[in-house]
Amino acid sequence: MNGNKDGRIMANKDIQKEIRSLDDTAQFTLSTRQMAEYCQRIVAYLETEKRYREPGYSLWELSRDTGISTKIISKSINGYMGRNFYDLINRMRIEEAKKDVAGDGCNKQSVDD
């Protein structure tokens, strides 16, 4: 079991090195695959922790929470999802509100985009 933990630590260190090296360059490119992987990690974190519910939750806070630089987060969301950070957060809030309204037995109203 300890070996698995060490493997995760090493993988995390490799990811952190990659992030630092990308941050050290003014211009960098991410492949579509890389952007997709970062977006998966970002969305999974947001869905699990429900941080999008917090008013004022920022790109900087997401970066701190996930260990992914703000540049990489922004480039991934913009390039892969075609929206910006705040659009993503608001979309997640809208989707949750739609589910809440649909789940209630009360008078359902339409929640438009």
PDB file of N, CA and C in Angstrom:
ATOM      1  N   MET A   1       0.822  -1.193   0.000  1.00  0.00           N
ATOM      2  CA  MET A   1       0.000   0.000   0.000  1.00  0.00           C
ATOM      3  C   MET A   1       0.867   1.259   0.000  1.00  0.00           C
ATOM      4  N   ASN A   2       1.940   1.227   0.736  1.00  0.00           N
ATOM      5  CA  ASN A   2       2.830   2.367   0.790  1.00  0.00           C
ATOM      6  C   ASN A   2       3.470   2.644  -0.560  1.00  0.00           C
ATOM      7  N   GLY A   3       3.736   1.579  -1.341  1.00  0.00           N
ATOM      8  CA  GLY A   3       4.309   1.755  -2.666  1.00  0.00           C
ATOM      9  C   GLY A   3       3.383   2.539  -3.585  1.00  0.00           C
ATOM     10  N   ASN A   4       2.083   2.286  -3.480  1.00  0.00           N
ATOM     11  CA  ASN A   4       1.113   3.001  -4.293  1.00  0.00           C
ATOM     12  C   ASN A   4       1.110   4.485  -3.939  1.00  0.00           C
ATOM     13  N   LYS A   5       1.188   4.789  -2.651  1.00  0.00           N
ATOM     14  CA  LYS A   5       1.221   6.175  -2.214  1.00  0.00           C
ATOM     15  C   LYS A   5       2.461   6.867  -2.761  1.00  0.00           C
ATOM     16  N   ASP A   6       3.609   6.180  -2.708  1.00  0.00           N
ATOM     17  CA  ASP A   6       4.839   6.750  -3.238  1.00  0.00           C
ATOM     18  C   ASP A   6       4.713   7.005  -4.730  1.00  0.00           C
ATOM     19  N   GLY A   7       4.039   6.110  -5.445  1.00  0.00           N
ATOM     20  CA  GLY A   7       3.818   6.289  -6.872  1.00  0.00           C
ATOM     21  C   GLY A   7       2.978   7.513  -7.160  1.00  0.00           C
ATOM     22  N   ARG A   8       1.950   7.747  -6.344  1.00  0.00           N
ATOM     23  CA  ARG A   8       1.107   8.935  -6.524  1.00  0.00           C
ATOM     24  C   ARG A   8       1.901  10.187  -6.229  1.00  0.00           C
ATOM     25  N   ILE A   9       2.750  10.141  -5.209  1.00  0.00           N
ATOM     26  CA  ILE A   9       3.566  11.300  -4.863  1.00  0.00           C
ATOM     27  C   ILE A   9       4.505  11.630  -6.016  1.00  0.00           C
ATOM     28  N   MET A  10       5.136  10.602  -6.584  1.00  0.00           N
ATOM     29  CA  MET A  10       6.046  10.827  -7.701  1.00  0.00           C
ATOM     30  C   MET A  10       5.291  11.386  -8.903  1.00  0.00           C
ATOM     31  N   ALA A  11       4.112  10.849  -9.191  1.00  0.00           N
ATOM     32  CA  ALA A  11       3.316  11.335 -10.319  1.00  0.00           C
ATOM     33  C   ALA A  11       2.933  12.790 -10.093  1.00  0.00           C
ATOM     34  N   ASN A  12       2.553  13.127  -8.863  1.00  0.00           N
ATOM     35  CA  ASN A  12       2.179  14.495  -8.536  1.00  0.00           C
ATOM     36  C   ASN A  12       3.381  15.426  -8.699  1.00  0.00           C
ATOM     37  N   LYS A  13       4.566  14.968  -8.289  1.00  0.00           N
ATOM     38  CA  LYS A  13       5.768  15.785  -8.461  1.00  0.00           C
ATOM     39  C   LYS A  13       6.054  16.008  -9.934  1.00  0.00           C
ATOM     40  N   ASP A  14       5.852  14.977 -10.763  1.00  0.00           N
ATOM     41  CA  ASP A  14       6.052  15.119 -12.199  1.00  0.00           C
ATOM     42  C   ASP A  14       5.086  16.138 -12.776  1.00  0.00           C
ATOM     43  N   ILE A  15       3.839  16.097 -12.339  1.00  0.00           N
ATOM     44  CA  ILE A  15       2.836  17.052 -12.807  1.00  0.00           C
ATOM     45  C   ILE A  15       3.241  18.468 -12.387  1.00  0.00           C
ATOM     46  N   GLN A  16       3.672  18.619 -11.141  1.00  0.00           N
ATOM     47  CA  GLN A  16       4.079  19.936 -10.662  1.00  0.00           C
ATOM     48  C   GLN A  16       5.269  20.474 -11.464  1.00  0.00           C
ATOM     49  N   LYS A  17       6.227  19.594 -11.813  1.00  0.00           N
ATOM     50  CA  LYS A  17       7.366  20.009 -12.643  1.00  0.00           C
ATOM     51  C   LYS A  17       6.888  20.493 -13.996  1.00  0.00           C
ATOM     52  N   GLU A  18       5.962  19.744 -14.593  1.00  0.00           N
ATOM     53  CA  GLU A  18       5.417  20.120 -15.900  1.00  0.00           C
ATOM     54  C   GLU A  18       4.728  21.472 -15.812  1.00  0.00           C
ATOM     55  N   ILE A  19       3.963  21.684 -14.764  1.00  0.00           N
ATOM     56  CA  ILE A  19       3.255  22.950 -14.583  1.00  0.00           C
ATOM     57  C   ILE A  19       4.245  24.089 -14.422  1.00  0.00           C
ATOM     58  N   ARG A  20       5.276  23.888 -13.591  1.00  0.00           N
ATOM     59  CA  ARG A  20       6.276  24.935 -13.399  1.00  0.00           C
ATOM     60  C   ARG A  20       6.991  25.257 -14.699  1.00  0.00           C
ATOM     61  N   SER A  21       7.337  24.238 -15.477  1.00  0.00           N
ATOM     62  CA  SER A  21       8.042  24.491 -16.730  1.00  0.00           C
ATOM     63  C   SER A  21       7.155  25.249 -17.707  1.00  0.00           C
ATOM     64  N   LEU A  22       5.859  24.945 -17.726  1.00  0.00           N
ATOM     65  CA  LEU A  22       4.944  25.684 -18.587  1.00  0.00           C
ATOM     66  C   LEU A  22       4.789  27.125 -18.116  1.00  0.00           C
ATOM     67  N   ASP A  23       4.755  27.329 -16.810  1.00  0.00           N
ATOM     68  CA  ASP A  23       4.617  28.672 -16.261  1.00  0.00           C
ATOM     69  C   ASP A  23       5.846  29.524 -16.530  1.00  0.00           C
ATOM     70  N   ASP A  24       7.007  28.887 -16.657  1.00  0.00           N
ATOM     71  CA  ASP A  24       8.241  29.617 -16.866  1.00  0.00           C
ATOM     72  C   ASP A  24       8.357  30.206 -18.265  1.00  0.00           C
ATOM     73  N   THR A  25       7.535  29.766 -19.184  1.00  0.00           N
ATOM     74  CA  THR A  25       7.574  30.296 -20.540  1.00  0.00           C
ATOM     75  C   THR A  25       6.405  31.236 -20.745  1.00  0.00           C
ATOM     76  N   ALA A  26       6.676  32.350 -21.414  1.00  0.00           N
ATOM     77  CA  ALA A  26       5.615  33.331 -21.638  1.00  0.00           C
ATOM     78  C   ALA A  26       4.542  32.756 -22.559  1.00  0.00           C
ATOM     79  N   GLN A  27       4.953  32.089 -23.600  1.00  0.00           N
ATOM     80  CA  GLN A  27       4.028  31.471 -24.537  1.00  0.00           C
ATOM     81  C   GLN A  27       4.188  29.963 -24.435  1.00  0.00           C
ATOM     82  N   PHE A  28       3.108  29.266 -24.371  1.00  0.00           N
ATOM     83  CA  PHE A  28       3.170  27.820 -24.345  1.00  0.00           C
ATOM     84  C   PHE A  28       1.956  27.276 -25.073  1.00  0.00           C
ATOM     85  N   THR A  29       2.085  26.058 -25.509  1.00  0.00           N
ATOM     86  CA  THR A  29       0.964  25.421 -26.185  1.00  0.00           C
ATOM     87  C   THR A  29       0.601  24.157 -25.434  1.00  0.00           C
ATOM     88  N   LEU A  30      -0.667  23.856 -25.454  1.00  0.00           N
ATOM     89  CA  LEU A  30      -1.177  22.618 -24.888  1.00  0.00           C
ATOM     90  C   LEU A  30      -1.877  21.867 -26.007  1.00  0.00           C
ATOM     91  N   SER A  31      -1.659  20.575 -26.062  1.00  0.00           N
ATOM     92  CA  SER A  31      -2.371  19.773 -27.051  1.00  0.00           C
ATOM     93  C   SER A  31      -3.834  19.669 -26.636  1.00  0.00           C
ATOM     94  N   THR A  32      -4.658  19.291 -27.570  1.00  0.00           N
ATOM     95  CA  THR A  32      -6.074  19.086 -27.261  1.00  0.00           C
ATOM     96  C   THR A  32      -6.221  18.041 -26.160  1.00  0.00           C
ATOM     97  N   ARG A  33      -5.412  16.993 -26.223  1.00  0.00           N
ATOM     98  CA  ARG A  33      -5.453  15.946 -25.209  1.00  0.00           C
ATOM     99  C   ARG A  33      -5.101  16.509 -23.827  1.00  0.00           C
ATOM    100  N   GLN A  34      -4.070  17.344 -23.763  1.00  0.00           N
ATOM    101  CA  GLN A  34      -3.682  17.939 -22.483  1.00  0.00           C
ATOM    102  C   GLN A  34      -4.788  18.841 -21.943  1.00  0.00           C
ATOM    103  N   MET A  35      -5.359  19.666 -22.822  1.00  0.00           N
ATOM    104  CA  MET A  35      -6.442  20.548 -22.381  1.00  0.00           C
ATOM    105  C   MET A  35      -7.628  19.730 -21.873  1.00  0.00           C
ATOM    106  N   ALA A  36      -7.944  18.643 -22.573  1.00  0.00           N
ATOM    107  CA  ALA A  36      -9.053  17.786 -22.150  1.00  0.00           C
ATOM    108  C   ALA A  36      -8.779  17.190 -20.780  1.00  0.00           C
ATOM    109  N   GLU A  37      -7.553  16.732 -20.548  1.00  0.00           N
ATOM    110  CA  GLU A  37      -7.201  16.150 -19.252  1.00  0.00           C
ATOM    111  C   GLU A  37      -7.289  17.179 -18.135  1.00  0.00           C
ATOM    112  N   TYR A  38      -6.785  18.382 -18.385  1.00  0.00           N
ATOM    113  CA  TYR A  38      -6.886  19.434 -17.368  1.00  0.00           C
ATOM    114  C   TYR A  38      -8.352  19.775 -17.101  1.00  0.00           C
ATOM    115  N   CYS A  39      -9.156  19.886 -18.160  1.00  0.00           N
ATOM    116  CA  CYS A  39     -10.578  20.201 -17.986  1.00  0.00           C
ATOM    117  C   CYS A  39     -11.291  19.113 -17.192  1.00  0.00           C
ATOM    118  N   GLN A  40     -10.956  17.854 -17.456  1.00  0.00           N
ATOM    119  CA  GLN A  40     -11.551  16.759 -16.680  1.00  0.00           C
ATOM    120  C   GLN A  40     -11.208  16.903 -15.207  1.00  0.00           C
ATOM    121  N   ARG A  41      -9.959  17.182 -14.911  1.00  0.00           N
ATOM    122  CA  ARG A  41      -9.536  17.351 -13.517  1.00  0.00           C
ATOM    123  C   ARG A  41     -10.240  18.532 -12.863  1.00  0.00           C
ATOM    124  N   ILE A  42     -10.344  19.625 -13.595  1.00  0.00           N
ATOM    125  CA  ILE A  42     -10.968  20.843 -13.066  1.00  0.00           C
ATOM    126  C   ILE A  42     -12.445  20.603 -12.773  1.00  0.00           C
ATOM    127  N   VAL A  43     -13.165  20.067 -13.747  1.00  0.00           N
ATOM    128  CA  VAL A  43     -14.599  19.829 -13.578  1.00  0.00           C
ATOM    129  C   VAL A  43     -14.848  18.797 -12.482  1.00  0.00           C
ATOM    130  N   ALA A  44     -14.047  17.744 -12.441  1.00  0.00           N
ATOM    131  CA  ALA A  44     -14.206  16.727 -11.389  1.00  0.00           C
ATOM    132  C   ALA A  44     -14.010  17.349 -10.015  1.00  0.00           C
ATOM    133  N   TYR A  45     -13.005  18.200  -9.883  1.00  0.00           N
ATOM    134  CA  TYR A  45     -12.780  18.872  -8.597  1.00  0.00           C
ATOM    135  C   TYR A  45     -13.972  19.745  -8.237  1.00  0.00           C
ATOM    136  N   LEU A  46     -14.410  20.567  -9.179  1.00  0.00           N
ATOM    137  CA  LEU A  46     -15.527  21.473  -8.901  1.00  0.00           C
ATOM    138  C   LEU A  46     -16.795  20.714  -8.540  1.00  0.00           C
ATOM    139  N   GLU A  47     -17.075  19.624  -9.254  1.00  0.00           N
ATOM    140  CA  GLU A  47     -18.272  18.838  -8.967  1.00  0.00           C
ATOM    141  C   GLU A  47     -18.177  18.134  -7.626  1.00  0.00           C
ATOM    142  N   THR A  48     -17.011  17.628  -7.305  1.00  0.00           N
ATOM    143  CA  THR A  48     -16.829  16.911  -6.041  1.00  0.00           C
ATOM    144  C   THR A  48     -16.902  17.849  -4.846  1.00  0.00           C
ATOM    145  N   GLU A  49     -16.206  18.954  -4.944  1.00  0.00           N
ATOM    146  CA  GLU A  49     -16.110  19.885  -3.810  1.00  0.00           C
ATOM    147  C   GLU A  49     -17.214  20.938  -3.797  1.00  0.00           C
ATOM    148  N   LYS A  50     -17.941  21.065  -4.902  1.00  0.00           N
ATOM    149  CA  LYS A  50     -19.046  22.035  -5.018  1.00  0.00           C
ATOM    150  C   LYS A  50     -18.578  23.473  -4.789  1.00  0.00           C
ATOM    151  N   ARG A  51     -17.337  23.750  -5.150  1.00  0.00           N
ATOM    152  CA  ARG A  51     -16.803  25.099  -4.924  1.00  0.00           C
ATOM    153  C   ARG A  51     -17.486  26.147  -5.809  1.00  0.00           C
ATOM    154  N   TYR A  52     -18.060  25.733  -6.928  1.00  0.00           N
ATOM    155  CA  TYR A  52     -18.744  26.676  -7.821  1.00  0.00           C
ATOM    156  C   TYR A  52     -19.927  27.342  -7.134  1.00  0.00           C
ATOM    157  N   ARG A  53     -20.404  26.764  -6.040  1.00  0.00           N
ATOM    158  CA  ARG A  53     -21.528  27.340  -5.303  1.00  0.00           C
ATOM    159  C   ARG A  53     -21.123  28.603  -4.538  1.00  0.00           C
ATOM    160  N   GLU A  54     -19.847  28.750  -4.300  1.00  0.00           N
ATOM    161  CA  GLU A  54     -19.365  29.859  -3.471  1.00  0.00           C
ATOM    162  C   GLU A  54     -19.326  31.160  -4.269  1.00  0.00           C
ATOM    163  N   PRO A  55     -20.035  32.186  -3.783  1.00  0.00           N
ATOM    164  CA  PRO A  55     -19.966  33.486  -4.462  1.00  0.00           C
ATOM    165  C   PRO A  55     -18.525  33.990  -4.449  1.00  0.00           C
ATOM    166  N   GLY A  56     -18.098  34.509  -5.549  1.00  0.00           N
ATOM    167  CA  GLY A  56     -16.750  35.076  -5.610  1.00  0.00           C
ATOM    168  C   GLY A  56     -15.629  34.068  -5.778  1.00  0.00           C
ATOM    169  N   TYR A  57     -15.968  32.791  -5.966  1.00  0.00           N
ATOM    170  CA  TYR A  57     -14.915  31.791  -6.174  1.00  0.00           C
ATOM    171  C   TYR A  57     -14.132  32.178  -7.420  1.00  0.00           C
ATOM    172  N   SER A  58     -12.813  32.193  -7.311  1.00  0.00           N
ATOM    173  CA  SER A  58     -11.993  32.758  -8.381  1.00  0.00           C
ATOM    174  C   SER A  58     -11.078  31.742  -9.045  1.00  0.00           C
ATOM    175  N   LEU A  59     -10.569  32.155 -10.166  1.00  0.00           N
ATOM    176  CA  LEU A  59      -9.591  31.359 -10.904  1.00  0.00           C
ATOM    177  C   LEU A  59      -8.372  31.096 -10.031  1.00  0.00           C
ATOM    178  N   TRP A  60      -7.945  32.107  -9.300  1.00  0.00           N
ATOM    179  CA  TRP A  60      -6.787  31.955  -8.415  1.00  0.00           C
ATOM    180  C   TRP A  60      -7.058  30.900  -7.343  1.00  0.00           C
ATOM    181  N   GLU A  61      -8.260  30.910  -6.765  1.00  0.00           N
ATOM    182  CA  GLU A  61      -8.603  29.921  -5.744  1.00  0.00           C
ATOM    183  C   GLU A  61      -8.630  28.511  -6.324  1.00  0.00           C
ATOM    184  N   LEU A  62      -9.175  28.373  -7.533  1.00  0.00           N
ATOM    185  CA  LEU A  62      -9.174  27.064  -8.187  1.00  0.00           C
ATOM    186  C   LEU A  62      -7.743  26.590  -8.423  1.00  0.00           C
ATOM    187  N   SER A  63      -6.886  27.495  -8.825  1.00  0.00           N
ATOM    188  CA  SER A  63      -5.480  27.158  -9.040  1.00  0.00           C
ATOM    189  C   SER A  63      -4.842  26.676  -7.737  1.00  0.00           C
ATOM    190  N   ARG A  64      -5.089  27.395  -6.686  1.00  0.00           N
ATOM    191  CA  ARG A  64      -4.553  27.015  -5.370  1.00  0.00           C
ATOM    192  C   ARG A  64      -5.102  25.656  -4.930  1.00  0.00           C
ATOM    193  N   ASP A  65      -6.389  25.442  -5.142  1.00  0.00           N
ATOM    194  CA  ASP A  65      -7.036  24.208  -4.705  1.00  0.00           C
ATOM    195  C   ASP A  65      -6.567  22.983  -5.486  1.00  0.00           C
ATOM    196  N   THR A  66      -6.302  23.156  -6.782  1.00  0.00           N
ATOM    197  CA  THR A  66      -5.971  22.017  -7.635  1.00  0.00           C
ATOM    198  C   THR A  66      -4.478  21.858  -7.900  1.00  0.00           C
ATOM    199  N   GLY A  67      -3.706  22.910  -7.655  1.00  0.00           N
ATOM    200  CA  GLY A  67      -2.283  22.859  -7.970  1.00  0.00           C
ATOM    201  C   GLY A  67      -1.990  23.065  -9.446  1.00  0.00           C
ATOM    202  N   ILE A  68      -2.978  23.490 -10.209  1.00  0.00           N
ATOM    203  CA  ILE A  68      -2.812  23.772 -11.635  1.00  0.00           C
ATOM    204  C   ILE A  68      -2.712  25.288 -11.788  1.00  0.00           C
ATOM    205  N   SER A  69      -1.743  25.755 -12.550  1.00  0.00           N
ATOM    206  CA  SER A  69      -1.551  27.202 -12.673  1.00  0.00           C
ATOM    207  C   SER A  69      -2.765  27.875 -13.307  1.00  0.00           C
ATOM    208  N   THR A  70      -2.940  29.151 -12.999  1.00  0.00           N
ATOM    209  CA  THR A  70      -4.052  29.912 -13.568  1.00  0.00           C
ATOM    210  C   THR A  70      -3.948  29.966 -15.086  1.00  0.00           C
ATOM    211  N   LYS A  71      -2.721  30.051 -15.610  1.00  0.00           N
ATOM    212  CA  LYS A  71      -2.535  30.090 -17.067  1.00  0.00           C
ATOM    213  C   LYS A  71      -3.033  28.809 -17.721  1.00  0.00           C
ATOM    214  N   ILE A  72      -2.687  27.684 -17.130  1.00  0.00           N
ATOM    215  CA  ILE A  72      -3.093  26.396 -17.700  1.00  0.00           C
ATOM    216  C   ILE A  72      -4.599  26.202 -17.575  1.00  0.00           C
ATOM    217  N   ILE A  73      -5.152  26.568 -16.425  1.00  0.00           N
ATOM    218  CA  ILE A  73      -6.608  26.458 -16.249  1.00  0.00           C
ATOM    219  C   ILE A  73      -7.319  27.292 -17.311  1.00  0.00           C
ATOM    220  N   SER A  74      -6.917  28.539 -17.420  1.00  0.00           N
ATOM    221  CA  SER A  74      -7.565  29.449 -18.357  1.00  0.00           C
ATOM    222  C   SER A  74      -7.414  28.969 -19.792  1.00  0.00           C
ATOM    223  N   LYS A  75      -6.207  28.603 -20.181  1.00  0.00           N
ATOM    224  CA  LYS A  75      -5.963  28.147 -21.560  1.00  0.00           C
ATOM    225  C   LYS A  75      -6.753  26.879 -21.851  1.00  0.00           C
ATOM    226  N   SER A  76      -6.844  25.959 -20.895  1.00  0.00           N
ATOM    227  CA  SER A  76      -7.564  24.709 -21.099  1.00  0.00           C
ATOM    228  C   SER A  76      -9.060  24.937 -21.236  1.00  0.00           C
ATOM    229  N   ILE A  77      -9.622  25.730 -20.340  1.00  0.00           N
ATOM    230  CA  ILE A  77     -11.066  25.991 -20.385  1.00  0.00           C
ATOM    231  C   ILE A  77     -11.411  26.757 -21.670  1.00  0.00           C
ATOM    232  N   ASN A  78     -10.608  27.763 -21.989  1.00  0.00           N
ATOM    233  CA  ASN A  78     -10.871  28.546 -23.203  1.00  0.00           C
ATOM    234  C   ASN A  78     -10.712  27.698 -24.454  1.00  0.00           C
ATOM    235  N   GLY A  79      -9.611  26.963 -24.531  1.00  0.00           N
ATOM    236  CA  GLY A  79      -9.294  26.224 -25.742  1.00  0.00           C
ATOM    237  C   GLY A  79     -10.123  24.969 -25.946  1.00  0.00           C
ATOM    238  N   TYR A  80     -10.382  24.248 -24.876  1.00  0.00           N
ATOM    239  CA  TYR A  80     -11.080  22.971 -25.011  1.00  0.00           C
ATOM    240  C   TYR A  80     -12.589  23.108 -24.862  1.00  0.00           C
ATOM    241  N   MET A  81     -13.020  23.951 -23.932  1.00  0.00           N
ATOM    242  CA  MET A  81     -14.456  24.068 -23.661  1.00  0.00           C
ATOM    243  C   MET A  81     -15.095  25.249 -24.394  1.00  0.00           C
ATOM    244  N   GLY A  82     -14.264  26.133 -24.913  1.00  0.00           N
ATOM    245  CA  GLY A  82     -14.800  27.280 -25.647  1.00  0.00           C
ATOM    246  C   GLY A  82     -15.493  28.301 -24.776  1.00  0.00           C
ATOM    247  N   ARG A  83     -15.088  28.396 -23.521  1.00  0.00           N
ATOM    248  CA  ARG A  83     -15.664  29.389 -22.607  1.00  0.00           C
ATOM    249  C   ARG A  83     -14.584  29.818 -21.639  1.00  0.00           C
ATOM    250  N   ASN A  84     -14.901  30.810 -20.825  1.00  0.00           N
ATOM    251  CA  ASN A  84     -13.922  31.221 -19.820  1.00  0.00           C
ATOM    252  C   ASN A  84     -14.294  30.648 -18.453  1.00  0.00           C
ATOM    253  N   PHE A  85     -13.441  30.881 -17.476  1.00  0.00           N
ATOM    254  CA  PHE A  85     -13.635  30.332 -16.138  1.00  0.00           C
ATOM    255  C   PHE A  85     -15.005  30.704 -15.570  1.00  0.00           C
ATOM    256  N   TYR A  86     -15.366  31.977 -15.659  1.00  0.00           N
ATOM    257  CA  TYR A  86     -16.626  32.422 -15.059  1.00  0.00           C
ATOM    258  C   TYR A  86     -17.831  31.852 -15.796  1.00  0.00           C
ATOM    259  N   ASP A  87     -17.706  31.677 -17.109  1.00  0.00           N
ATOM    260  CA  ASP A  87     -18.784  31.009 -17.856  1.00  0.00           C
ATOM    261  C   ASP A  87     -18.962  29.576 -17.351  1.00  0.00           C
ATOM    262  N   LEU A  88     -17.845  28.883 -17.123  1.00  0.00           N
ATOM    263  CA  LEU A  88     -17.909  27.503 -16.616  1.00  0.00           C
ATOM    264  C   LEU A  88     -18.587  27.453 -15.254  1.00  0.00           C
ATOM    265  N   ILE A  89     -18.175  28.321 -14.352  1.00  0.00           N
ATOM    266  CA  ILE A  89     -18.745  28.353 -12.998  1.00  0.00           C
ATOM    267  C   ILE A  89     -20.251  28.638 -13.072  1.00  0.00           C
ATOM    268  N   ASN A  90     -20.617  29.633 -13.871  1.00  0.00           N
ATOM    269  CA  ASN A  90     -22.037  29.981 -13.986  1.00  0.00           C
ATOM    270  C   ASN A  90     -22.842  28.868 -14.641  1.00  0.00           C
ATOM    271  N   ARG A  91     -22.269  28.201 -15.630  1.00  0.00           N
ATOM    272  CA  ARG A  91     -22.948  27.062 -16.275  1.00  0.00           C
ATOM    273  C   ARG A  91     -23.206  25.964 -15.245  1.00  0.00           C
ATOM    274  N   MET A  92     -22.230  25.688 -14.400  1.00  0.00           N
ATOM    275  CA  MET A  92     -22.397  24.654 -13.371  1.00  0.00           C
ATOM    276  C   MET A  92     -23.487  25.060 -12.380  1.00  0.00           C
ATOM    277  N   ARG A  93     -23.546  26.334 -12.032  1.00  0.00           N
ATOM    278  CA  ARG A  93     -24.594  26.820 -11.131  1.00  0.00           C
ATOM    279  C   ARG A  93     -25.975  26.671 -11.763  1.00  0.00           C
ATOM    280  N   ILE A  94     -26.074  27.023 -13.040  1.00  0.00           N
ATOM    281  CA  ILE A  94     -27.350  26.915 -13.751  1.00  0.00           C
ATOM    282  C   ILE A  94     -27.796  25.458 -13.818  1.00  0.00           C
ATOM    283  N   GLU A  95     -26.869  24.564 -14.167  1.00  0.00           N
ATOM    284  CA  GLU A  95     -27.218  23.144 -14.271  1.00  0.00           C
ATOM    285  C   GLU A  95     -27.689  22.593 -12.927  1.00  0.00           C
ATOM    286  N   GLU A  96     -27.043  23.007 -11.851  1.00  0.00           N
ATOM    287  CA  GLU A  96     -27.473  22.544 -10.532  1.00  0.00           C
ATOM    288  C   GLU A  96     -28.853  23.102 -10.187  1.00  0.00           C
ATOM    289  N   ALA A  97     -29.088  24.360 -10.531  1.00  0.00           N
ATOM    290  CA  ALA A  97     -30.398  24.968 -10.261  1.00  0.00           C
ATOM    291  C   ALA A  97     -31.489  24.252 -11.046  1.00  0.00           C
ATOM    292  N   LYS A  98     -31.189  23.893 -12.299  1.00  0.00           N
ATOM    293  CA  LYS A  98     -32.159  23.150 -13.105  1.00  0.00           C
ATOM    294  C   LYS A  98     -32.508  21.816 -12.447  1.00  0.00           C
ATOM    295  N   LYS A  99     -31.496  21.120 -11.953  1.00  0.00           N
ATOM    296  CA  LYS A  99     -31.725  19.837 -11.284  1.00  0.00           C
ATOM    297  C   LYS A  99     -32.544  20.029 -10.015  1.00  0.00           C
ATOM    298  N   ASP A 100     -32.232  21.092  -9.267  1.00  0.00           N
ATOM    299  CA  ASP A 100     -32.970  21.365  -8.031  1.00  0.00           C
ATOM    300  C   ASP A 100     -34.438  21.643  -8.329  1.00  0.00           C
ATOM    301  N   VAL A 101     -34.694  22.439  -9.348  1.00  0.00           N
ATOM    302  CA  VAL A 101     -36.074  22.775  -9.710  1.00  0.00           C
ATOM    303  C   VAL A 101     -36.794  21.528 -10.197  1.00  0.00           C
ATOM    304  N   ALA A 102     -36.124  20.738 -11.029  1.00  0.00           N
ATOM    305  CA  ALA A 102     -36.740  19.517 -11.563  1.00  0.00           C
ATOM    306  C   ALA A 102     -36.992  18.494 -10.459  1.00  0.00           C
ATOM    307  N   GLY A 103     -36.155  18.493  -9.436  1.00  0.00           N
ATOM    308  CA  GLY A 103     -36.288  17.528  -8.349  1.00  0.00           C
ATOM    309  C   GLY A 103     -37.349  17.904  -7.339  1.00  0.00           C
ATOM    310  N   ASP A 104     -37.696  19.175  -7.277  1.00  0.00           N
ATOM    311  CA  ASP A 104     -38.727  19.622  -6.343  1.00  0.00           C
ATOM    312  C   ASP A 104     -40.100  19.219  -6.852  1.00  0.00           C
ATOM    313  N   GLY A 105     -40.994  18.947  -5.947  1.00  0.00           N
ATOM    314  CA  GLY A 105     -42.368  18.641  -6.318  1.00  0.00           C
ATOM    315  C   GLY A 105     -43.187  19.903  -6.487  1.00  0.00           C
ATOM    316  N   CYS A 106     -42.533  21.058  -6.414  1.00  0.00           N
ATOM    317  CA  CYS A 106     -43.266  22.324  -6.486  1.00  0.00           C
ATOM    318  C   CYS A 106     -43.473  22.750  -7.927  1.00  0.00           C
ATOM    319  N   ASN A 107     -44.048  23.894  -8.080  1.00  0.00           N
ATOM    320  CA  ASN A 107     -44.343  24.460  -9.388  1.00  0.00           C
ATOM    321  C   ASN A 107     -43.038  24.674 -10.147  1.00  0.00           C
ATOM    322  N   LYS A 108     -42.858  23.947 -11.246  1.00  0.00           N
ATOM    323  CA  LYS A 108     -41.609  24.019 -12.003  1.00  0.00           C
ATOM    324  C   LYS A 108     -41.635  25.200 -12.943  1.00  0.00           C
ATOM    325  N   GLN A 109     -40.502  25.908 -12.965  1.00  0.00           N
ATOM    326  CA  GLN A 109     -40.356  27.025 -13.873  1.00  0.00           C
ATOM    327  C   GLN A 109     -39.161  26.750 -14.767  1.00  0.00           C
ATOM    328  N   SER A 110     -39.134  27.353 -15.916  1.00  0.00           N
ATOM    329  CA  SER A 110     -38.032  27.191 -16.846  1.00  0.00           C
ATOM    330  C   SER A 110     -36.849  28.038 -16.393  1.00  0.00           C
ATOM    331  N   VAL A 111     -35.671  27.459 -16.444  1.00  0.00           N
ATOM    332  CA  VAL A 111     -34.456  28.198 -16.154  1.00  0.00           C
ATOM    333  C   VAL A 111     -33.725  28.316 -17.476  1.00  0.00           C
ATOM    334  N   ASP A 112     -33.727  29.533 -18.019  1.00  0.00           N
ATOM    335  CA  ASP A 112     -33.095  29.750 -19.318  1.00  0.00           C
ATOM    336  C   ASP A 112     -31.617  30.041 -19.149  1.00  0.00           C
ATOM    337  N   ASP A 113     -30.883  29.764 -20.211  1.00  0.00           N
ATOM    338  CA  ASP A 113     -29.427  29.996 -20.206  1.00  0.00           C
ATOM    339  C   ASP A 113     -29.127  31.462 -20.147  1.00  0.00           C
TER     340      ASP A 113
END
